[in-house]
């Protein structure tokens, strides 16, 4: 069987939407959280995750290399980096709420500021880096 005919192996998290994917050559892996790293939208199911990984088979930007299975420390570092990227995107998406000429009321602007403070504090959360959906602050 040729290399392109092989499939990646998937170890789905308990939530069934995040997973550890081992590349078909078994020398690389990809850690995926419950959201698509390109769209930042939640995965719609296993089929969408598999289609994403298959489309990225030869895109080395998405895969990390290992000779042995990654340690828990390595997995946590990957998860932390993913969470920081998601958090940074949420902060960037809400920057507009803090500009001085925003049409928001002071009360709404304060709600957004509180949300943004909670995003910045995520690395101090007791579950960090293995956050659950309920650990993320909800935007106003």
N, C-alpha and C. Protein backbone atom coordinates (compact mmCIF):
# COMPACT_ATOMS: atom_id res chain seq x y z
N UNK A 1 0.86 -1.18 0.00
CA UNK A 1 0.00 0.00 0.00
C UNK A 1 0.89 1.23 0.00
N UNK A 2 0.65 2.18 -0.88
CA UNK A 2 1.44 3.39 -0.96
C UNK A 2 1.19 4.30 0.23
N UNK A 3 2.11 5.22 0.48
CA UNK A 3 2.00 6.13 1.61
C UNK A 3 0.71 6.92 1.58
N UNK A 4 0.27 7.35 0.41
CA UNK A 4 -0.95 8.15 0.32
C UNK A 4 -2.21 7.34 0.62
N UNK A 5 -2.11 6.01 0.61
CA UNK A 5 -3.28 5.18 0.87
C UNK A 5 -3.45 4.90 2.37
N UNK A 6 -2.41 5.19 3.15
CA UNK A 6 -2.48 4.94 4.59
C UNK A 6 -3.34 6.01 5.25
N UNK A 7 -3.81 5.71 6.45
CA UNK A 7 -4.61 6.67 7.18
C UNK A 7 -3.91 7.06 8.47
N UNK A 8 -4.24 8.23 8.96
CA UNK A 8 -3.75 8.68 10.25
C UNK A 8 -4.50 7.91 11.33
N UNK A 9 -3.94 7.87 12.54
CA UNK A 9 -4.67 7.28 13.65
C UNK A 9 -5.17 8.41 14.55
N UNK A 10 -6.35 8.23 15.09
CA UNK A 10 -7.03 9.26 15.87
C UNK A 10 -7.35 8.74 17.26
N UNK A 11 -6.97 9.51 18.27
CA UNK A 11 -7.34 9.23 19.65
C UNK A 11 -8.19 10.39 20.12
N UNK A 12 -9.52 10.21 20.08
CA UNK A 12 -10.42 11.29 20.43
C UNK A 12 -10.52 11.46 21.93
N UNK A 13 -10.62 12.72 22.38
CA UNK A 13 -10.81 13.04 23.79
C UNK A 13 -12.18 12.58 24.24
N UNK A 14 -12.40 12.63 25.53
CA UNK A 14 -13.71 12.25 26.07
C UNK A 14 -14.83 13.08 25.47
N UNK A 15 -14.53 14.34 25.11
CA UNK A 15 -15.56 15.19 24.52
C UNK A 15 -15.86 14.80 23.07
N UNK A 16 -15.08 13.85 22.53
CA UNK A 16 -15.24 13.32 21.18
C UNK A 16 -14.95 14.31 20.08
N UNK A 17 -14.54 15.53 20.41
CA UNK A 17 -14.28 16.50 19.35
C UNK A 17 -12.86 17.03 19.34
N UNK A 18 -12.10 16.78 20.35
CA UNK A 18 -10.69 17.11 20.33
C UNK A 18 -9.94 15.79 20.19
N UNK A 19 -8.71 15.81 19.70
CA UNK A 19 -8.01 14.54 19.55
C UNK A 19 -6.52 14.73 19.34
N UNK A 20 -5.84 13.61 19.50
CA UNK A 20 -4.43 13.50 19.15
C UNK A 20 -4.40 12.67 17.88
N UNK A 21 -3.78 13.21 16.84
CA UNK A 21 -3.71 12.53 15.55
C UNK A 21 -2.26 12.15 15.30
N UNK A 22 -2.02 10.88 15.04
CA UNK A 22 -0.69 10.42 14.68
C UNK A 22 -0.66 10.32 13.16
N UNK A 23 0.31 10.99 12.57
CA UNK A 23 0.46 11.01 11.12
C UNK A 23 0.67 9.59 10.60
N UNK A 24 0.29 9.35 9.39
CA UNK A 24 0.41 8.02 8.80
C UNK A 24 1.84 7.48 8.81
N UNK A 25 2.85 8.38 8.85
CA UNK A 25 4.24 7.89 8.89
C UNK A 25 4.71 7.62 10.32
N UNK A 26 3.85 7.88 11.31
CA UNK A 26 4.08 7.68 12.76
C UNK A 26 5.25 8.48 13.31
N UNK A 27 5.77 9.42 12.58
CA UNK A 27 6.85 10.26 13.07
C UNK A 27 6.37 11.64 13.47
N UNK A 28 5.11 11.93 13.19
CA UNK A 28 4.57 13.26 13.46
C UNK A 28 3.19 13.12 14.11
N UNK A 29 2.80 14.16 14.82
CA UNK A 29 1.48 14.17 15.44
C UNK A 29 0.89 15.58 15.38
N UNK A 30 -0.40 15.65 15.56
CA UNK A 30 -1.11 16.92 15.61
C UNK A 30 -2.09 16.84 16.77
N UNK A 31 -2.07 17.82 17.65
CA UNK A 31 -2.99 17.88 18.78
C UNK A 31 -4.07 18.88 18.43
N UNK A 32 -5.30 18.42 18.37
CA UNK A 32 -6.42 19.29 18.02
C UNK A 32 -7.35 19.44 19.21
N UNK A 33 -7.72 20.68 19.48
CA UNK A 33 -8.68 20.95 20.54
C UNK A 33 -10.08 20.83 19.97
N UNK A 34 -11.05 21.34 20.67
CA UNK A 34 -12.45 21.19 20.26
C UNK A 34 -12.85 22.19 19.18
N UNK A 35 -11.89 22.93 18.64
CA UNK A 35 -12.18 23.93 17.61
C UNK A 35 -11.15 23.83 16.49
N UNK A 36 -11.61 24.22 15.30
CA UNK A 36 -10.76 24.20 14.10
C UNK A 36 -9.73 25.33 14.21
N UNK A 37 -8.43 25.04 14.11
CA UNK A 37 -7.42 26.09 14.28
C UNK A 37 -7.42 27.14 13.17
N UNK A 38 -8.04 26.86 12.05
CA UNK A 38 -8.10 27.84 10.97
C UNK A 38 -9.31 28.75 11.09
N UNK A 39 -10.45 28.19 11.49
CA UNK A 39 -11.68 28.99 11.55
C UNK A 39 -12.03 29.43 12.97
N UNK A 40 -11.44 28.78 13.97
CA UNK A 40 -11.75 28.99 15.39
C UNK A 40 -13.19 28.65 15.72
N UNK A 41 -13.83 27.89 14.85
CA UNK A 41 -15.20 27.41 15.08
C UNK A 41 -15.13 26.00 15.66
N UNK A 42 -16.09 25.63 16.50
CA UNK A 42 -16.08 24.26 17.04
C UNK A 42 -16.20 23.23 15.91
N UNK A 43 -15.54 22.08 16.11
CA UNK A 43 -15.67 20.99 15.14
C UNK A 43 -17.11 20.52 15.11
N UNK A 44 -17.58 20.10 13.94
CA UNK A 44 -18.94 19.59 13.80
C UNK A 44 -18.99 18.08 14.01
N UNK A 45 -17.85 17.42 14.07
CA UNK A 45 -17.82 15.98 14.29
C UNK A 45 -16.51 15.37 13.85
N UNK A 46 -16.42 14.06 14.04
CA UNK A 46 -15.20 13.33 13.71
C UNK A 46 -14.86 13.43 12.23
N UNK A 47 -15.86 13.39 11.39
CA UNK A 47 -15.61 13.43 9.94
C UNK A 47 -14.92 14.75 9.54
N UNK A 48 -15.33 15.85 10.16
CA UNK A 48 -14.71 17.13 9.84
C UNK A 48 -13.24 17.16 10.29
N UNK A 49 -12.96 16.61 11.46
CA UNK A 49 -11.58 16.54 11.95
C UNK A 49 -10.73 15.69 11.01
N UNK A 50 -11.26 14.54 10.63
CA UNK A 50 -10.50 13.65 9.74
C UNK A 50 -10.26 14.30 8.38
N UNK A 51 -11.25 14.99 7.86
CA UNK A 51 -11.08 15.67 6.57
C UNK A 51 -10.01 16.76 6.68
N UNK A 52 -10.01 17.49 7.79
CA UNK A 52 -9.00 18.53 8.02
C UNK A 52 -7.60 17.91 8.02
N UNK A 53 -7.43 16.83 8.78
CA UNK A 53 -6.11 16.19 8.90
C UNK A 53 -5.66 15.60 7.57
N UNK A 54 -6.56 14.97 6.86
CA UNK A 54 -6.20 14.39 5.56
C UNK A 54 -5.78 15.50 4.59
N UNK A 55 -6.46 16.65 4.65
CA UNK A 55 -6.11 17.76 3.77
C UNK A 55 -4.75 18.36 4.13
N UNK A 56 -4.33 18.16 5.37
CA UNK A 56 -3.06 18.72 5.85
C UNK A 56 -1.95 17.66 5.92
N UNK A 57 -2.16 16.49 5.32
CA UNK A 57 -1.20 15.39 5.41
C UNK A 57 0.22 15.83 5.09
N UNK A 58 0.42 16.61 4.07
CA UNK A 58 1.76 17.01 3.65
C UNK A 58 2.09 18.45 4.00
N UNK A 59 1.28 19.08 4.84
CA UNK A 59 1.52 20.45 5.27
C UNK A 59 2.22 20.40 6.63
N UNK A 60 3.51 20.56 6.62
CA UNK A 60 4.33 20.38 7.83
C UNK A 60 4.11 21.47 8.87
N UNK A 61 3.39 22.53 8.54
CA UNK A 61 3.10 23.57 9.53
C UNK A 61 2.17 23.06 10.62
N UNK A 62 1.39 22.05 10.34
CA UNK A 62 0.41 21.56 11.30
C UNK A 62 0.90 20.39 12.14
N UNK A 63 1.99 19.77 11.74
CA UNK A 63 2.44 18.55 12.39
C UNK A 63 3.69 18.80 13.22
N UNK A 64 3.76 18.18 14.37
CA UNK A 64 4.95 18.21 15.22
C UNK A 64 5.64 16.85 15.12
N UNK A 65 6.95 16.86 15.23
CA UNK A 65 7.69 15.61 15.08
C UNK A 65 7.98 14.98 16.44
N UNK A 66 7.95 13.65 16.48
CA UNK A 66 8.42 12.93 17.65
C UNK A 66 8.92 11.55 17.24
N UNK A 67 9.87 11.08 18.00
CA UNK A 67 10.39 9.74 17.74
C UNK A 67 9.61 8.73 18.57
N UNK A 68 9.20 9.15 19.77
CA UNK A 68 8.39 8.32 20.66
C UNK A 68 7.07 9.05 20.88
N UNK A 69 6.15 8.39 21.54
CA UNK A 69 4.90 9.06 21.88
C UNK A 69 5.22 10.30 22.71
N UNK A 70 4.49 11.38 22.49
CA UNK A 70 4.76 12.60 23.26
C UNK A 70 4.47 12.37 24.75
N UNK A 71 5.25 13.03 25.58
CA UNK A 71 5.02 12.96 27.02
C UNK A 71 3.83 13.83 27.38
N UNK A 72 3.32 13.66 28.59
CA UNK A 72 2.22 14.51 29.04
C UNK A 72 2.67 15.97 29.05
N UNK A 73 3.91 16.21 29.41
CA UNK A 73 4.45 17.57 29.42
C UNK A 73 4.43 18.17 28.01
N UNK A 74 4.81 17.37 27.01
CA UNK A 74 4.78 17.84 25.63
C UNK A 74 3.34 18.09 25.17
N UNK A 75 2.44 17.19 25.53
CA UNK A 75 1.03 17.38 25.17
C UNK A 75 0.47 18.64 25.82
N UNK A 76 0.82 18.87 27.09
CA UNK A 76 0.36 20.07 27.79
C UNK A 76 0.91 21.33 27.14
N UNK A 77 2.17 21.29 26.68
CA UNK A 77 2.76 22.44 26.01
C UNK A 77 2.04 22.74 24.70
N UNK A 78 1.68 21.70 23.97
CA UNK A 78 0.93 21.89 22.72
C UNK A 78 -0.44 22.48 23.02
N UNK A 79 -1.12 21.93 24.02
CA UNK A 79 -2.44 22.42 24.40
C UNK A 79 -2.36 23.88 24.85
N UNK A 80 -1.34 24.21 25.65
CA UNK A 80 -1.17 25.59 26.11
C UNK A 80 -0.98 26.54 24.94
N UNK A 81 -0.17 26.14 23.98
CA UNK A 81 0.06 26.99 22.79
C UNK A 81 -1.24 27.17 22.00
N UNK A 82 -2.00 26.10 21.86
CA UNK A 82 -3.29 26.19 21.16
C UNK A 82 -4.24 27.13 21.90
N UNK A 83 -4.28 26.99 23.23
CA UNK A 83 -5.17 27.84 24.03
C UNK A 83 -4.75 29.31 23.96
N UNK A 84 -3.45 29.56 23.99
CA UNK A 84 -2.99 30.94 23.87
C UNK A 84 -3.37 31.54 22.51
N UNK A 85 -3.25 30.75 21.45
CA UNK A 85 -3.61 31.24 20.12
C UNK A 85 -5.10 31.56 20.05
N UNK A 86 -5.93 30.69 20.62
CA UNK A 86 -7.38 30.93 20.64
C UNK A 86 -7.68 32.17 21.47
N UNK A 87 -7.06 32.26 22.65
CA UNK A 87 -7.28 33.42 23.52
C UNK A 87 -6.86 34.71 22.82
N UNK A 88 -5.69 34.71 22.18
CA UNK A 88 -5.21 35.90 21.50
C UNK A 88 -6.14 36.33 20.37
N UNK A 89 -6.72 35.35 19.68
CA UNK A 89 -7.67 35.68 18.62
C UNK A 89 -8.94 36.30 19.22
N UNK A 90 -9.42 35.75 20.33
CA UNK A 90 -10.61 36.32 20.99
C UNK A 90 -10.33 37.74 21.48
N UNK A 91 -9.14 37.99 21.98
CA UNK A 91 -8.77 39.35 22.38
C UNK A 91 -8.74 40.29 21.18
N UNK A 92 -8.12 39.84 20.11
CA UNK A 92 -8.05 40.68 18.90
C UNK A 92 -9.45 40.97 18.35
N UNK A 93 -10.31 39.96 18.39
CA UNK A 93 -11.68 40.15 17.88
C UNK A 93 -12.49 41.12 18.72
N UNK A 94 -12.07 41.34 19.97
CA UNK A 94 -12.83 42.25 20.84
C UNK A 94 -12.11 43.57 21.11
N UNK A 95 -10.99 43.81 20.43
CA UNK A 95 -10.25 45.07 20.61
C UNK A 95 -11.14 46.29 20.38
N UNK A 96 -12.01 46.20 19.41
CA UNK A 96 -12.85 47.33 19.04
C UNK A 96 -13.72 47.82 20.20
N UNK A 97 -13.99 46.95 21.17
CA UNK A 97 -14.88 47.34 22.27
C UNK A 97 -14.24 48.33 23.22
N UNK A 98 -12.92 48.48 23.15
CA UNK A 98 -12.22 49.32 24.11
C UNK A 98 -11.73 50.66 23.54
N UNK A 99 -12.05 50.93 22.28
CA UNK A 99 -11.62 52.22 21.72
C UNK A 99 -12.47 53.34 22.31
N UNK A 100 -11.87 54.49 22.43
CA UNK A 100 -12.54 55.60 23.12
C UNK A 100 -13.79 56.10 22.40
N UNK A 101 -13.82 56.03 21.08
CA UNK A 101 -15.00 56.54 20.37
C UNK A 101 -15.99 55.43 20.01
N UNK A 102 -15.92 54.32 20.74
CA UNK A 102 -16.88 53.24 20.54
C UNK A 102 -18.28 53.71 20.92
N UNK A 103 -19.28 53.20 20.23
CA UNK A 103 -20.67 53.58 20.50
C UNK A 103 -21.26 52.82 21.69
N UNK A 104 -20.46 51.98 22.32
CA UNK A 104 -20.94 51.19 23.44
C UNK A 104 -21.16 52.06 24.68
N UNK A 105 -22.15 51.69 25.47
CA UNK A 105 -22.35 52.39 26.74
C UNK A 105 -21.20 52.03 27.69
N UNK A 106 -21.02 52.84 28.72
CA UNK A 106 -19.96 52.56 29.69
C UNK A 106 -20.16 51.20 30.35
N UNK A 107 -21.41 50.84 30.62
CA UNK A 107 -21.71 49.55 31.25
C UNK A 107 -21.31 48.38 30.36
N UNK A 108 -21.63 48.47 29.07
CA UNK A 108 -21.28 47.40 28.13
C UNK A 108 -19.77 47.35 27.92
N UNK A 109 -19.16 48.53 27.83
CA UNK A 109 -17.70 48.57 27.66
C UNK A 109 -17.00 47.92 28.86
N UNK A 110 -17.53 48.17 30.06
CA UNK A 110 -16.97 47.55 31.27
C UNK A 110 -17.15 46.04 31.22
N UNK A 111 -18.28 45.55 30.73
CA UNK A 111 -18.50 44.10 30.61
C UNK A 111 -17.47 43.49 29.67
N UNK A 112 -17.20 44.16 28.57
CA UNK A 112 -16.19 43.67 27.64
C UNK A 112 -14.79 43.70 28.27
N UNK A 113 -14.51 44.75 29.02
CA UNK A 113 -13.20 44.84 29.68
C UNK A 113 -13.03 43.69 30.68
N UNK A 114 -14.08 43.36 31.41
CA UNK A 114 -14.05 42.24 32.37
C UNK A 114 -13.81 40.93 31.64
N UNK A 115 -14.49 40.73 30.52
CA UNK A 115 -14.31 39.54 29.69
C UNK A 115 -12.86 39.43 29.22
N UNK A 116 -12.30 40.54 28.75
CA UNK A 116 -10.94 40.54 28.24
C UNK A 116 -9.92 40.26 29.35
N UNK A 117 -10.20 40.77 30.56
CA UNK A 117 -9.34 40.49 31.71
C UNK A 117 -9.37 39.00 32.03
N UNK A 118 -10.55 38.40 31.97
CA UNK A 118 -10.69 36.96 32.23
C UNK A 118 -9.93 36.15 31.17
N UNK A 119 -9.95 36.59 29.92
CA UNK A 119 -9.18 35.90 28.88
C UNK A 119 -7.69 35.95 29.19
N UNK A 120 -7.22 37.12 29.59
CA UNK A 120 -5.79 37.26 29.89
C UNK A 120 -5.37 36.41 31.10
N UNK A 121 -6.32 36.15 32.00
CA UNK A 121 -6.02 35.38 33.22
C UNK A 121 -6.10 33.87 33.02
N UNK A 122 -6.50 33.41 31.86
CA UNK A 122 -6.67 31.97 31.64
C UNK A 122 -5.45 31.13 32.01
N UNK A 123 -4.21 31.57 31.72
CA UNK A 123 -3.06 30.73 32.09
C UNK A 123 -2.92 30.49 33.60
N UNK A 124 -3.61 31.27 34.42
CA UNK A 124 -3.58 31.05 35.87
C UNK A 124 -4.74 30.16 36.33
N UNK A 125 -5.61 29.74 35.41
CA UNK A 125 -6.77 28.90 35.75
C UNK A 125 -6.28 27.55 36.27
N UNK A 126 -7.00 27.00 37.24
CA UNK A 126 -6.58 25.73 37.86
C UNK A 126 -6.53 24.58 36.85
N UNK A 127 -7.31 24.63 35.79
CA UNK A 127 -7.32 23.56 34.79
C UNK A 127 -6.31 23.78 33.66
N UNK A 128 -5.60 24.92 33.67
CA UNK A 128 -4.66 25.23 32.59
C UNK A 128 -3.61 24.14 32.49
N UNK A 129 -3.26 23.68 31.31
CA UNK A 129 -3.74 24.11 30.00
C UNK A 129 -4.93 23.30 29.50
N UNK A 130 -5.38 22.33 30.29
CA UNK A 130 -6.44 21.43 29.84
C UNK A 130 -7.81 21.99 30.17
N UNK A 131 -8.11 23.12 29.56
CA UNK A 131 -9.37 23.81 29.83
C UNK A 131 -10.55 23.08 29.21
N UNK A 132 -11.66 23.15 29.90
CA UNK A 132 -12.91 22.66 29.36
C UNK A 132 -13.66 23.86 28.80
N UNK A 133 -14.69 23.61 28.02
CA UNK A 133 -15.45 24.71 27.43
C UNK A 133 -15.97 25.66 28.51
N UNK A 134 -16.40 25.11 29.65
CA UNK A 134 -16.96 25.93 30.73
C UNK A 134 -15.90 26.80 31.40
N UNK A 135 -14.61 26.52 31.19
CA UNK A 135 -13.54 27.31 31.78
C UNK A 135 -13.29 28.62 31.02
N UNK A 136 -13.73 28.67 29.79
CA UNK A 136 -13.52 29.87 28.98
C UNK A 136 -14.55 30.93 29.35
N UNK A 137 -14.14 32.19 29.47
CA UNK A 137 -15.13 33.24 29.75
C UNK A 137 -16.07 33.42 28.56
N UNK A 138 -17.27 33.85 28.86
CA UNK A 138 -18.29 34.06 27.83
C UNK A 138 -18.34 35.54 27.50
N UNK A 139 -18.31 35.85 26.22
CA UNK A 139 -18.35 37.27 25.80
C UNK A 139 -19.71 37.88 26.13
N UNK A 140 -19.70 39.16 26.43
CA UNK A 140 -20.98 39.84 26.77
C UNK A 140 -21.96 39.85 25.60
